[in-house]
Amino acid sequence: KEGGEEQQEAQEGNGDALLEVVDSRGNPARVAQHFIDFKSKPTKAQQQYLSGKQISPAEIEELPMYRHVFGEERLPGGRRVMVCPPWKTESDVLQIPLRHLPRKKATSVDQKYDRRAVNCQKSGIWHKISLEDHRLILKVIEGLLKVREGDYVFDWGSGCGHKLRFLADTKKVSGFGVDVSEKSVEYSLVNTTKANHFCRANGVRIDEWIPENYFDHALSFGSVYHVYNRTTFCSVIRSMVRVVKKGGRVYNGWTENAEYRRADIAPCLRDLPVTVDIVEERKAFAHVPVFPLKAQQTIPNTYSIVITKNEATQPKFWKYVPVSCTTHKCEEVPYPSS
């Protein structure tokens, strides 16, 4: 392009200059600092989409507002690969509270799992839990989500990529995963399957770039508690609801009351068009030979959340989080007056 056109394009949309970056597969990409371009000239399809109408994934991929989100490469299932966001150390690093660290040495979540990533080719990043145990756990999750052949699944906290690899093997599913561990993502891209794509990204900020009403299902197992904040926990669960289509399901597992109370799930989701089920993991995973236990537990005290999205959503749902939580409880926040 001529220099003038290049400069004009860089100034369109949200006003951020385009960055020359490399995505997780090593492909050159041109992205903006803020990915969803609400200032682009809307098409009829985009107006319908923003009003809450469910449109097809192929139509979503062509919307002007997502012109910085999708690359030209496609996964075997036909979905366009999403461009990975630049990693911002100053804002994307999640610190682990010292009370959770036996050695009381400052450590971030990505540092912890970068160290564990050396085990990706063996049993994964979980201590004492084999890949076969993980396969059995995922079989239960697959049933709770009602995954069908050819579905497109989002994995929040994808680790070594094993969950999406298992689904690709058994259900011919394509998937997209995000994780804060650079080494885990590197392993996932090289050693799992080309049916899936992975990005190193802060899962707390997926609303900034991942499309709404797009995936068939979303899942997370043993990951969301790493935000170490109950209000943020609620926000992440809502973000997972946001990205799935009407009729899709969201699964989050391996949570205990000390991290987010069962009683606070309904207030967190009270304004969304969803149906919520809480599954006790002591029963659901009783057949798994070695199921992971929380610290100082001898039997599972954890629970899973299964959320069915009954209607397509629209941006108004994500303007606020309807609860404000302290260490011990969550309280409902009134709706904004405007």
C-alpha atoms as a PDB file:
ATOM      1  CA  LYS A   1       0.000   0.000   0.000  1.00  0.00           C
ATOM      2  CA  GLU A   2       0.982   3.629  -0.435  1.00  0.00           C
ATOM      3  CA  GLY A   3       2.288   5.256   2.725  1.00  0.00           C
ATOM      4  CA  GLY A   4      -0.727   7.541   3.011  1.00  0.00           C
ATOM      5  CA  GLU A   5      -3.183   4.630   2.938  1.00  0.00           C
ATOM      6  CA  GLU A   6      -1.141   2.735   5.532  1.00  0.00           C
ATOM      7  CA  GLN A   7      -1.174   5.717   7.890  1.00  0.00           C
ATOM      8  CA  GLN A   8      -4.898   6.277   7.375  1.00  0.00           C
ATOM      9  CA  GLU A   9      -5.684   2.631   8.145  1.00  0.00           C
ATOM     10  CA  ALA A  10      -3.581   2.827  11.308  1.00  0.00           C
ATOM     11  CA  GLN A  11      -5.646   5.782  12.481  1.00  0.00           C
ATOM     12  CA  GLU A  12      -9.033   4.208  11.791  1.00  0.00           C
ATOM     13  CA  GLY A  13     -11.142   2.405  14.379  1.00  0.00           C
ATOM     14  CA  ASN A  14     -10.150   3.004  17.979  1.00  0.00           C
ATOM     15  CA  GLY A  15      -7.310   5.349  17.171  1.00  0.00           C
ATOM     16  CA  ASP A  16      -4.493   2.997  18.214  1.00  0.00           C
ATOM     17  CA  ALA A  17      -1.633   2.596  15.767  1.00  0.00           C
ATOM     18  CA  LEU A  18      -1.269  -0.895  14.371  1.00  0.00           C
ATOM     19  CA  LEU A  19       1.593  -2.958  15.756  1.00  0.00           C
ATOM     20  CA  GLU A  20       3.817  -5.336  13.854  1.00  0.00           C
ATOM     21  CA  VAL A  21       3.863  -8.508  15.975  1.00  0.00           C
ATOM     22  CA  VAL A  22       4.279 -12.259  15.654  1.00  0.00           C
ATOM     23  CA  ASP A  23       1.442 -14.514  16.755  1.00  0.00           C
ATOM     24  CA  SER A  24       1.797 -17.803  18.664  1.00  0.00           C
ATOM     25  CA  ARG A  25       2.490 -19.778  15.488  1.00  0.00           C
ATOM     26  CA  GLY A  26       5.256 -17.414  14.436  1.00  0.00           C
ATOM     27  CA  ASN A  27       3.219 -15.736  11.718  1.00  0.00           C
ATOM     28  CA  PRO A  28       3.563 -11.985  11.199  1.00  0.00           C
ATOM     29  CA  ALA A  29       0.434 -10.106  12.201  1.00  0.00           C
ATOM     30  CA  ARG A  30      -0.751  -6.519  12.303  1.00  0.00           C
ATOM     31  CA  VAL A  31      -2.886  -5.810  15.348  1.00  0.00           C
ATOM     32  CA  ALA A  32      -4.164  -2.858  17.345  1.00  0.00           C
ATOM     33  CA  GLN A  33      -3.633  -2.176  21.017  1.00  0.00           C
ATOM     34  CA  HIS A  34      -7.357  -2.672  21.634  1.00  0.00           C
ATOM     35  CA  PHE A  35      -8.773  -5.356  19.411  1.00  0.00           C
ATOM     36  CA  ILE A  36     -12.513  -4.806  19.176  1.00  0.00           C
ATOM     37  CA  ASP A  37     -13.029  -1.870  16.829  1.00  0.00           C
ATOM     38  CA  PHE A  38     -16.377  -0.358  17.811  1.00  0.00           C
ATOM     39  CA  LYS A  39     -15.701   2.782  15.759  1.00  0.00           C
ATOM     40  CA  SER A  40     -15.500   1.025  12.409  1.00  0.00           C
ATOM     41  CA  LYS A  41     -18.361   1.658   9.986  1.00  0.00           C
ATOM     42  CA  PRO A  42     -20.966  -0.982  10.913  1.00  0.00           C
ATOM     43  CA  THR A  43     -22.542  -3.315   8.402  1.00  0.00           C
ATOM     44  CA  LYS A  44     -26.125  -4.542   8.680  1.00  0.00           C
ATOM     45  CA  ALA A  45     -24.841  -7.845  10.050  1.00  0.00           C
ATOM     46  CA  GLN A  46     -22.834  -6.009  12.700  1.00  0.00           C
ATOM     47  CA  GLN A  47     -25.857  -3.939  13.757  1.00  0.00           C
ATOM     48  CA  GLN A  48     -27.895  -7.120  14.139  1.00  0.00           C
ATOM     49  CA  TYR A  49     -25.060  -8.770  16.047  1.00  0.00           C
ATOM     50  CA  LEU A  50     -24.731  -5.871  18.481  1.00  0.00           C
ATOM     51  CA  SER A  51     -28.481  -5.917  19.102  1.00  0.00           C
ATOM     52  CA  GLY A  52     -28.251  -9.512  20.330  1.00  0.00           C
ATOM     53  CA  LYS A  53     -29.104 -11.506  17.215  1.00  0.00           C
ATOM     54  CA  GLN A  54     -27.178 -14.763  16.852  1.00  0.00           C
ATOM     55  CA  ILE A  55     -25.316 -14.805  13.537  1.00  0.00           C
ATOM     56  CA  SER A  56     -23.079 -17.536  12.143  1.00  0.00           C
ATOM     57  CA  PRO A  57     -19.397 -17.844  13.110  1.00  0.00           C
ATOM     58  CA  ALA A  58     -18.423 -17.162   9.493  1.00  0.00           C
ATOM     59  CA  GLU A  59     -20.403 -13.898   9.593  1.00  0.00           C
ATOM     60  CA  ILE A  60     -18.822 -12.936  12.928  1.00  0.00           C
ATOM     61  CA  GLU A  61     -15.359 -13.429  11.455  1.00  0.00           C
ATOM     62  CA  GLU A  62     -16.155 -10.904   8.705  1.00  0.00           C
ATOM     63  CA  LEU A  63     -17.540  -8.139  10.939  1.00  0.00           C
ATOM     64  CA  PRO A  64     -15.600  -4.846  10.699  1.00  0.00           C
ATOM     65  CA  MET A  65     -15.383  -4.626  14.494  1.00  0.00           C
ATOM     66  CA  TYR A  66     -13.252  -7.777  14.535  1.00  0.00           C
ATOM     67  CA  ARG A  67     -10.941  -6.840  11.675  1.00  0.00           C
ATOM     68  CA  HIS A  68      -7.936  -6.903  14.041  1.00  0.00           C
ATOM     69  CA  VAL A  69      -8.926 -10.199  15.661  1.00  0.00           C
ATOM     70  CA  PHE A  70      -8.816 -12.773  12.864  1.00  0.00           C
ATOM     71  CA  GLY A  71      -5.937 -13.767  10.608  1.00  0.00           C
ATOM     72  CA  GLU A  72      -6.203 -15.446   7.224  1.00  0.00           C
ATOM     73  CA  GLU A  73      -5.096 -18.918   8.367  1.00  0.00           C
ATOM     74  CA  ARG A  74      -7.874 -21.435   9.035  1.00  0.00           C
ATOM     75  CA  LEU A  75      -8.151 -24.421  11.342  1.00  0.00           C
ATOM     76  CA  PRO A  76      -9.209 -27.804   9.883  1.00  0.00           C
ATOM     77  CA  GLY A  77     -12.768 -27.145  11.081  1.00  0.00           C
ATOM     78  CA  GLY A  78     -12.921 -24.008   8.934  1.00  0.00           C
ATOM     79  CA  ARG A  79     -12.661 -21.349  11.640  1.00  0.00           C
ATOM     80  CA  ARG A  80     -10.262 -18.477  11.046  1.00  0.00           C
ATOM     81  CA  VAL A  81      -7.343 -18.393  13.471  1.00  0.00           C
ATOM     82  CA  MET A  82      -7.441 -15.566  15.985  1.00  0.00           C
ATOM     83  CA  VAL A  83      -4.411 -13.306  16.185  1.00  0.00           C
ATOM     84  CA  CYS A  84      -2.769 -13.475  19.608  1.00  0.00           C
ATOM     85  CA  PRO A  85      -2.597 -10.218  21.574  1.00  0.00           C
ATOM     86  CA  PRO A  86       0.740  -8.664  22.539  1.00  0.00           C
ATOM     87  CA  TRP A  87       1.789  -9.758  26.032  1.00  0.00           C
ATOM     88  CA  LYS A  88       1.989  -6.764  28.370  1.00  0.00           C
ATOM     89  CA  THR A  89       4.152  -7.602  31.354  1.00  0.00           C
ATOM     90  CA  GLU A  90       3.060  -4.540  33.290  1.00  0.00           C
ATOM     91  CA  SER A  91      -0.631  -5.523  33.204  1.00  0.00           C
ATOM     92  CA  ASP A  92      -0.884  -9.197  32.232  1.00  0.00           C
ATOM     93  CA  VAL A  93       1.228 -10.794  34.981  1.00  0.00           C
ATOM     94  CA  LEU A  94      -0.908 -12.314  37.767  1.00  0.00           C
ATOM     95  CA  GLN A  95       0.919 -12.455  41.112  1.00  0.00           C
ATOM     96  CA  ILE A  96       0.265 -15.331  43.494  1.00  0.00           C
ATOM     97  CA  PRO A  97      -0.522 -14.048  47.023  1.00  0.00           C
ATOM     98  CA  LEU A  98       2.319 -14.898  49.409  1.00  0.00           C
ATOM     99  CA  ARG A  99      -0.069 -16.762  51.725  1.00  0.00           C
ATOM    100  CA  HIS A 100      -0.422 -19.380  48.973  1.00  0.00           C
ATOM    101  CA  LEU A 101       3.352 -19.824  48.593  1.00  0.00           C
ATOM    102  CA  PRO A 102       5.043 -22.155  51.116  1.00  0.00           C
ATOM    103  CA  ARG A 103       8.447 -20.493  50.560  1.00  0.00           C
ATOM    104  CA  LYS A 104       6.959 -16.963  50.702  1.00  0.00           C
ATOM    105  CA  LYS A 105       8.973 -16.010  47.636  1.00  0.00           C
ATOM    106  CA  ALA A 106       7.278 -13.668  45.150  1.00  0.00           C
ATOM    107  CA  THR A 107       6.063 -15.730  42.185  1.00  0.00           C
ATOM    108  CA  SER A 108       3.642 -15.034  39.369  1.00  0.00           C
ATOM    109  CA  VAL A 109       1.221 -17.566  37.905  1.00  0.00           C
ATOM    110  CA  ASP A 110       3.112 -17.669  34.592  1.00  0.00           C
ATOM    111  CA  GLN A 111       6.435 -18.285  36.384  1.00  0.00           C
ATOM    112  CA  LYS A 112       4.925 -21.163  38.362  1.00  0.00           C
ATOM    113  CA  TYR A 113       3.573 -22.921  35.289  1.00  0.00           C
ATOM    114  CA  ASP A 114       6.555 -22.147  33.088  1.00  0.00           C
ATOM    115  CA  ARG A 115       8.542 -24.240  35.572  1.00  0.00           C
ATOM    116  CA  ARG A 116       5.987 -27.043  35.462  1.00  0.00           C
ATOM    117  CA  ALA A 117       5.784 -27.037  31.650  1.00  0.00           C
ATOM    118  CA  VAL A 118       8.784 -29.367  31.473  1.00  0.00           C
ATOM    119  CA  ASN A 119       6.298 -32.102  32.463  1.00  0.00           C
ATOM    120  CA  CYS A 120       3.918 -31.427  29.560  1.00  0.00           C
ATOM    121  CA  GLN A 121       5.298 -34.367  27.592  1.00  0.00           C
ATOM    122  CA  LYS A 122       4.849 -36.701  30.563  1.00  0.00           C
ATOM    123  CA  SER A 123       1.910 -36.257  32.930  1.00  0.00           C
ATOM    124  CA  GLY A 124       1.248 -32.559  32.383  1.00  0.00           C
ATOM    125  CA  ILE A 125       1.508 -29.673  34.831  1.00  0.00           C
ATOM    126  CA  TRP A 126      -0.491 -31.330  37.634  1.00  0.00           C
ATOM    127  CA  HIS A 127       1.360 -33.160  40.406  1.00  0.00           C
ATOM    128  CA  LYS A 128       0.592 -36.892  40.734  1.00  0.00           C
ATOM    129  CA  ILE A 129      -2.249 -36.801  38.190  1.00  0.00           C
ATOM    130  CA  SER A 130      -1.631 -38.945  35.112  1.00  0.00           C
ATOM    131  CA  LEU A 131      -2.752 -38.143  31.592  1.00  0.00           C
ATOM    132  CA  GLU A 132      -5.125 -41.093  31.822  1.00  0.00           C
ATOM    133  CA  ASP A 133      -6.711 -39.540  34.923  1.00  0.00           C
ATOM    134  CA  HIS A 134      -7.060 -36.292  32.975  1.00  0.00           C
ATOM    135  CA  ARG A 135      -8.632 -38.169  30.084  1.00  0.00           C
ATOM    136  CA  LEU A 136     -11.262 -39.641  32.423  1.00  0.00           C
ATOM    137  CA  ILE A 137     -11.917 -36.214  33.943  1.00  0.00           C
ATOM    138  CA  LEU A 138     -12.369 -34.713  30.501  1.00  0.00           C
ATOM    139  CA  LYS A 139     -14.789 -37.479  29.521  1.00  0.00           C
ATOM    140  CA  VAL A 140     -17.093 -36.301  32.310  1.00  0.00           C
ATOM    141  CA  ILE A 141     -16.687 -32.662  31.255  1.00  0.00           C
ATOM    142  CA  GLU A 142     -17.421 -33.617  27.653  1.00  0.00           C
ATOM    143  CA  GLY A 143     -20.697 -35.198  28.772  1.00  0.00           C
ATOM    144  CA  LEU A 144     -21.690 -32.219  30.927  1.00  0.00           C
ATOM    145  CA  LEU A 145     -21.055 -29.853  28.013  1.00  0.00           C
ATOM    146  CA  LYS A 146     -22.804 -32.194  25.535  1.00  0.00           C
ATOM    147  CA  VAL A 147     -19.964 -31.762  23.061  1.00  0.00           C
ATOM    148  CA  ARG A 148     -20.796 -32.841  19.509  1.00  0.00           C
ATOM    149  CA  GLU A 149     -18.540 -33.760  16.643  1.00  0.00           C
ATOM    150  CA  GLY A 150     -17.201 -30.680  14.886  1.00  0.00           C
ATOM    151  CA  ASP A 151     -17.868 -28.248  17.749  1.00  0.00           C
ATOM    152  CA  TYR A 152     -15.537 -25.303  18.388  1.00  0.00           C
ATOM    153  CA  VAL A 153     -14.473 -25.115  22.052  1.00  0.00           C
ATOM    154  CA  PHE A 154     -12.771 -22.403  24.090  1.00  0.00           C
ATOM    155  CA  ASP A 155     -10.382 -23.484  26.876  1.00  0.00           C
ATOM    156  CA  TRP A 156      -9.622 -20.857  29.556  1.00  0.00           C
ATOM    157  CA  GLY A 157      -6.295 -21.842  31.126  1.00  0.00           C
ATOM    158  CA  SER A 158      -5.374 -24.425  28.499  1.00  0.00           C
ATOM    159  CA  GLY A 159      -2.071 -25.502  30.071  1.00  0.00           C
ATOM    160  CA  CYS A 160      -0.279 -28.076  27.922  1.00  0.00           C
ATOM    161  CA  GLY A 161      -3.224 -28.278  25.512  1.00  0.00           C
ATOM    162  CA  HIS A 162      -4.169 -31.822  26.521  1.00  0.00           C
ATOM    163  CA  LYS A 163      -7.888 -31.130  27.007  1.00  0.00           C
ATOM    164  CA  LEU A 164      -8.374 -29.787  23.499  1.00  0.00           C
ATOM    165  CA  ARG A 165      -6.152 -32.511  22.088  1.00  0.00           C
ATOM    166  CA  PHE A 166      -8.291 -35.213  23.722  1.00  0.00           C
ATOM    167  CA  LEU A 167     -11.456 -33.592  22.323  1.00  0.00           C
ATOM    168  CA  ALA A 168      -9.908 -33.401  18.865  1.00  0.00           C
ATOM    169  CA  ASP A 169      -9.026 -37.106  19.074  1.00  0.00           C
ATOM    170  CA  THR A 170     -12.438 -38.292  20.288  1.00  0.00           C
ATOM    171  CA  LYS A 171     -14.896 -35.791  18.816  1.00  0.00           C
ATOM    172  CA  LYS A 172     -13.017 -34.181  15.912  1.00  0.00           C
ATOM    173  CA  VAL A 173     -13.414 -30.909  17.784  1.00  0.00           C
ATOM    174  CA  SER A 174     -11.430 -27.775  16.979  1.00  0.00           C
ATOM    175  CA  GLY A 175     -10.483 -25.503  19.826  1.00  0.00           C
ATOM    176  CA  PHE A 176      -8.857 -22.315  20.982  1.00  0.00           C
ATOM    177  CA  GLY A 177      -7.021 -22.002  24.282  1.00  0.00           C
ATOM    178  CA  VAL A 178      -5.447 -19.204  26.261  1.00  0.00           C
ATOM    179  CA  ASP A 179      -2.898 -19.517  29.045  1.00  0.00           C
ATOM    180  CA  VAL A 180      -0.459 -17.197  30.825  1.00  0.00           C
ATOM    181  CA  SER A 181       2.407 -19.705  30.652  1.00  0.00           C
ATOM    182  CA  GLU A 182       4.558 -19.046  27.599  1.00  0.00           C
ATOM    183  CA  LYS A 183       6.248 -22.444  27.768  1.00  0.00           C
ATOM    184  CA  SER A 184       2.937 -24.305  28.080  1.00  0.00           C
ATOM    185  CA  VAL A 185       1.562 -22.490  25.025  1.00  0.00           C
ATOM    186  CA  GLU A 186       4.747 -23.237  23.078  1.00  0.00           C
ATOM    187  CA  TYR A 187       4.343 -26.937  23.892  1.00  0.00           C
ATOM    188  CA  SER A 188       0.645 -26.890  22.946  1.00  0.00           C
ATOM    189  CA  LEU A 189       1.313 -25.378  19.527  1.00  0.00           C
ATOM    190  CA  VAL A 190       4.071 -27.797  18.614  1.00  0.00           C
ATOM    191  CA  ASN A 191       3.067 -31.060  20.271  1.00  0.00           C
ATOM    192  CA  THR A 192      -0.718 -31.371  20.381  1.00  0.00           C
ATOM    193  CA  THR A 193      -2.675 -31.004  17.131  1.00  0.00           C
ATOM    194  CA  LYS A 194      -3.085 -28.473  14.325  1.00  0.00           C
ATOM    195  CA  ALA A 195      -6.857 -28.735  14.874  1.00  0.00           C
ATOM    196  CA  ASN A 196      -6.381 -26.265  17.735  1.00  0.00           C
ATOM    197  CA  HIS A 197      -4.802 -22.875  18.231  1.00  0.00           C
ATOM    198  CA  PHE A 198      -3.360 -21.388  21.417  1.00  0.00           C
ATOM    199  CA  CYS A 199      -2.352 -17.940  22.620  1.00  0.00           C
ATOM    200  CA  ARG A 200      -0.416 -16.661  25.565  1.00  0.00           C
ATOM    201  CA  ALA A 201      -2.879 -14.182  26.985  1.00  0.00           C
ATOM    202  CA  ASN A 202      -4.312 -12.847  30.225  1.00  0.00           C
ATOM    203  CA  GLY A 203      -7.645 -14.624  30.589  1.00  0.00           C
ATOM    204  CA  VAL A 204      -9.050 -11.777  32.678  1.00  0.00           C
ATOM    205  CA  ARG A 205      -8.978  -9.545  29.580  1.00  0.00           C
ATOM    206  CA  ILE A 206     -10.604 -11.745  26.929  1.00  0.00           C
ATOM    207  CA  ASP A 207     -13.550  -9.339  26.610  1.00  0.00           C
ATOM    208  CA  GLU A 208     -11.154  -6.945  24.883  1.00  0.00           C
ATOM    209  CA  TRP A 209     -10.650  -9.146  21.838  1.00  0.00           C
ATOM    210  CA  ILE A 210     -12.488 -12.485  21.763  1.00  0.00           C
ATOM    211  CA  PRO A 211     -15.841 -12.298  19.916  1.00  0.00           C
ATOM    212  CA  GLU A 212     -19.189 -12.629  21.660  1.00  0.00           C
ATOM    213  CA  ASN A 213     -21.620 -15.501  20.869  1.00  0.00           C
ATOM    214  CA  TYR A 214     -18.888 -17.314  18.921  1.00  0.00           C
ATOM    215  CA  PHE A 215     -17.849 -20.670  20.448  1.00  0.00           C
ATOM    216  CA  ASP A 216     -20.051 -23.752  20.824  1.00  0.00           C
ATOM    217  CA  HIS A 217     -18.775 -24.315  24.364  1.00  0.00           C
ATOM    218  CA  ALA A 218     -16.223 -23.012  26.865  1.00  0.00           C
ATOM    219  CA  LEU A 219     -14.434 -24.892  29.615  1.00  0.00           C
ATOM    220  CA  SER A 220     -11.922 -24.402  32.383  1.00  0.00           C
ATOM    221  CA  PHE A 221     -10.637 -26.907  34.902  1.00  0.00           C
ATOM    222  CA  GLY A 222      -8.490 -25.897  37.855  1.00  0.00           C
ATOM    223  CA  SER A 223      -7.581 -22.525  36.377  1.00  0.00           C
ATOM    224  CA  VAL A 224      -9.944 -19.656  37.214  1.00  0.00           C
ATOM    225  CA  TYR A 225      -9.113 -19.693  40.927  1.00  0.00           C
ATOM    226  CA  HIS A 226      -5.678 -18.365  39.944  1.00  0.00           C
ATOM    227  CA  VAL A 227      -7.142 -14.854  39.695  1.00  0.00           C
ATOM    228  CA  TYR A 228      -7.160 -14.874  43.538  1.00  0.00           C
ATOM    229  CA  ASN A 229     -10.026 -12.387  43.722  1.00  0.00           C
ATOM    230  CA  ARG A 230     -13.694 -13.295  44.048  1.00  0.00           C
ATOM    231  CA  THR A 231     -15.048 -10.335  42.124  1.00  0.00           C
ATOM    232  CA  THR A 232     -12.642 -11.117  39.293  1.00  0.00           C
ATOM    233  CA  PHE A 233     -13.620 -14.794  39.496  1.00  0.00           C
ATOM    234  CA  CYS A 234     -17.230 -13.790  38.823  1.00  0.00           C
ATOM    235  CA  SER A 235     -16.108 -11.534  35.967  1.00  0.00           C
ATOM    236  CA  VAL A 236     -14.182 -14.382  34.301  1.00  0.00           C
ATOM    237  CA  ILE A 237     -17.138 -16.778  34.513  1.00  0.00           C
ATOM    238  CA  ARG A 238     -19.313 -14.097  32.905  1.00  0.00           C
ATOM    239  CA  SER A 239     -16.695 -13.612  30.181  1.00  0.00           C
ATOM    240  CA  MET A 240     -16.848 -17.335  29.389  1.00  0.00           C
ATOM    241  CA  VAL A 241     -20.629 -17.052  29.076  1.00  0.00           C
ATOM    242  CA  ARG A 242     -20.155 -14.063  26.781  1.00  0.00           C
ATOM    243  CA  VAL A 243     -18.058 -15.931  24.196  1.00  0.00           C
ATOM    244  CA  VAL A 244     -20.372 -18.946  23.700  1.00  0.00           C
ATOM    245  CA  LYS A 245     -23.338 -19.064  21.318  1.00  0.00           C
ATOM    246  CA  LYS A 246     -27.000 -19.354  22.172  1.00  0.00           C
ATOM    247  CA  GLY A 247     -27.554 -22.921  23.334  1.00  0.00           C
ATOM    248  CA  GLY A 248     -23.875 -23.352  24.194  1.00  0.00           C
ATOM    249  CA  ARG A 249     -22.566 -24.451  27.569  1.00  0.00           C
ATOM    250  CA  VAL A 250     -19.855 -23.237  29.921  1.00  0.00           C
ATOM    251  CA  TYR A 251     -18.033 -25.534  32.345  1.00  0.00           C
ATOM    252  CA  ASN A 252     -15.795 -24.476  35.219  1.00  0.00           C
ATOM    253  CA  GLY A 253     -14.381 -27.097  37.543  1.00  0.00           C
ATOM    254  CA  TRP A 254     -12.205 -27.665  40.604  1.00  0.00           C
ATOM    255  CA  THR A 255     -13.438 -24.780  42.736  1.00  0.00           C
ATOM    256  CA  GLU A 256     -13.984 -24.884  46.499  1.00  0.00           C
ATOM    257  CA  ASN A 257     -16.031 -22.581  48.700  1.00  0.00           C
ATOM    258  CA  ALA A 258     -12.895 -20.923  50.068  1.00  0.00           C
ATOM    259  CA  GLU A 259     -12.212 -19.661  46.528  1.00  0.00           C
ATOM    260  CA  TYR A 260     -15.774 -18.872  45.447  1.00  0.00           C
ATOM    261  CA  ARG A 261     -18.855 -19.931  47.378  1.00  0.00           C
ATOM    262  CA  ARG A 262     -21.512 -22.056  45.729  1.00  0.00           C
ATOM    263  CA  ALA A 263     -24.133 -19.617  47.065  1.00  0.00           C
ATOM    264  CA  ASP A 264     -22.519 -16.723  45.173  1.00  0.00           C
ATOM    265  CA  ILE A 265     -22.843 -18.295  41.704  1.00  0.00           C
ATOM    266  CA  ALA A 266     -26.492 -17.269  41.219  1.00  0.00           C
ATOM    267  CA  PRO A 267     -25.927 -13.589  42.177  1.00  0.00           C
ATOM    268  CA  CYS A 268     -22.925 -13.445  39.846  1.00  0.00           C
ATOM    269  CA  LEU A 269     -25.045 -14.526  36.871  1.00  0.00           C
ATOM    270  CA  ARG A 270     -28.400 -13.073  37.928  1.00  0.00           C
ATOM    271  CA  ASP A 271     -28.834 -10.723  34.939  1.00  0.00           C
ATOM    272  CA  LEU A 272     -27.792 -13.192  32.230  1.00  0.00           C
ATOM    273  CA  PRO A 273     -30.104 -15.455  30.158  1.00  0.00           C
ATOM    274  CA  VAL A 274     -28.657 -18.671  31.562  1.00  0.00           C
ATOM    275  CA  THR A 275     -29.524 -21.843  33.439  1.00  0.00           C
ATOM    276  CA  VAL A 276     -27.018 -22.927  36.107  1.00  0.00           C
ATOM    277  CA  ASP A 277     -26.283 -26.354  37.574  1.00  0.00           C
ATOM    278  CA  ILE A 278     -23.784 -27.084  40.360  1.00  0.00           C
ATOM    279  CA  VAL A 279     -22.170 -30.524  40.252  1.00  0.00           C
ATOM    280  CA  GLU A 280     -20.412 -32.010  43.279  1.00  0.00           C
ATOM    281  CA  GLU A 281     -17.121 -33.453  42.073  1.00  0.00           C
ATOM    282  CA  ARG A 282     -16.904 -36.070  44.809  1.00  0.00           C
ATOM    283  CA  LYS A 283     -19.714 -37.916  43.013  1.00  0.00           C
ATOM    284  CA  ALA A 284     -19.147 -36.862  39.398  1.00  0.00           C
ATOM    285  CA  PHE A 285     -15.517 -38.014  39.359  1.00  0.00           C
ATOM    286  CA  ALA A 286     -15.742 -40.918  41.808  1.00  0.00           C
ATOM    287  CA  HIS A 287     -14.522 -43.349  39.132  1.00  0.00           C
ATOM    288  CA  VAL A 288     -11.287 -41.432  38.458  1.00  0.00           C
ATOM    289  CA  PRO A 289      -8.431 -43.363  40.168  1.00  0.00           C
ATOM    290  CA  VAL A 290      -6.523 -40.241  41.202  1.00  0.00           C
ATOM    291  CA  PHE A 291      -8.620 -37.078  41.315  1.00  0.00           C
ATOM    292  CA  PRO A 292      -6.785 -33.872  42.371  1.00  0.00           C
ATOM    293  CA  LEU A 293      -7.430 -32.662  45.909  1.00  0.00           C
ATOM    294  CA  LYS A 294      -7.148 -29.182  47.309  1.00  0.00           C
ATOM    295  CA  ALA A 295      -4.487 -28.591  49.953  1.00  0.00           C
ATOM    296  CA  GLN A 296      -4.988 -30.537  53.185  1.00  0.00           C
ATOM    297  CA  GLN A 297      -8.032 -32.400  51.849  1.00  0.00           C
ATOM    298  CA  THR A 298      -8.472 -36.184  51.855  1.00  0.00           C
ATOM    299  CA  ILE A 299     -11.683 -36.306  49.804  1.00  0.00           C
ATOM    300  CA  PRO A 300     -12.844 -33.925  47.065  1.00  0.00           C
ATOM    301  CA  ASN A 301     -14.615 -30.862  48.447  1.00  0.00           C
ATOM    302  CA  THR A 302     -14.742 -29.118  45.095  1.00  0.00           C
ATOM    303  CA  TYR A 303     -17.611 -28.401  42.743  1.00  0.00           C
ATOM    304  CA  SER A 304     -18.218 -27.761  39.054  1.00  0.00           C
ATOM    305  CA  ILE A 305     -20.464 -25.154  37.444  1.00  0.00           C
ATOM    306  CA  VAL A 306     -22.376 -25.982  34.261  1.00  0.00           C
ATOM    307  CA  ILE A 307     -24.030 -22.984  32.612  1.00  0.00           C
ATOM    308  CA  THR A 308     -26.380 -23.171  29.627  1.00  0.00           C
ATOM    309  CA  LYS A 309     -26.713 -19.961  27.607  1.00  0.00           C
ATOM    310  CA  ASN A 310     -30.371 -19.641  26.630  1.00  0.00           C
ATOM    311  CA  GLU A 311     -30.158 -16.517  24.464  1.00  0.00           C
ATOM    312  CA  ALA A 312     -27.521 -14.632  22.526  1.00  0.00           C
ATOM    313  CA  THR A 313     -26.153 -11.699  24.501  1.00  0.00           C
ATOM    314  CA  GLN A 314     -25.129  -8.167  23.582  1.00  0.00           C
ATOM    315  CA  PRO A 315     -22.538  -5.686  24.912  1.00  0.00           C
ATOM    316  CA  LYS A 316     -24.882  -4.106  27.493  1.00  0.00           C
ATOM    317  CA  PHE A 317     -24.545  -7.242  29.644  1.00  0.00           C
ATOM    318  CA  TRP A 318     -20.837  -6.685  30.261  1.00  0.00           C
ATOM    319  CA  LYS A 319     -20.789  -3.078  31.474  1.00  0.00           C
ATOM    320  CA  TYR A 320     -20.523  -4.087  35.105  1.00  0.00           C
ATOM    321  CA  VAL A 321     -20.116  -7.067  37.453  1.00  0.00           C
ATOM    322  CA  PRO A 322     -23.284  -7.526  39.578  1.00  0.00           C
ATOM    323  CA  VAL A 323     -21.408  -8.526  42.749  1.00  0.00           C
ATOM    324  CA  SER A 324     -18.668  -7.042  44.879  1.00  0.00           C
ATOM    325  CA  CYS A 325     -16.768  -9.557  46.965  1.00  0.00           C
ATOM    326  CA  THR A 326     -14.532  -9.475  50.016  1.00  0.00           C
ATOM    327  CA  THR A 327     -12.449 -12.364  51.329  1.00  0.00           C
ATOM    328  CA  HIS A 328     -15.489 -13.873  53.047  1.00  0.00           C
ATOM    329  CA  LYS A 329     -18.603 -12.932  51.096  1.00  0.00           C
ATOM    330  CA  CYS A 330     -20.086 -11.369  47.981  1.00  0.00           C
ATOM    331  CA  GLU A 331     -22.798  -8.723  47.929  1.00  0.00           C
ATOM    332  CA  GLU A 332     -25.049  -7.797  45.044  1.00  0.00           C
ATOM    333  CA  VAL A 333     -24.323  -4.505  43.302  1.00  0.00           C
ATOM    334  CA  PRO A 334     -27.344  -2.447  42.160  1.00  0.00           C
ATOM    335  CA  TYR A 335     -27.848  -2.003  38.432  1.00  0.00           C
ATOM    336  CA  PRO A 336     -26.472   1.287  37.069  1.00  0.00           C
ATOM    337  CA  SER A 337     -29.200   3.933  36.909  1.00  0.00           C
ATOM    338  CA  SER A 338     -28.404   4.873  33.283  1.00  0.00           C
END
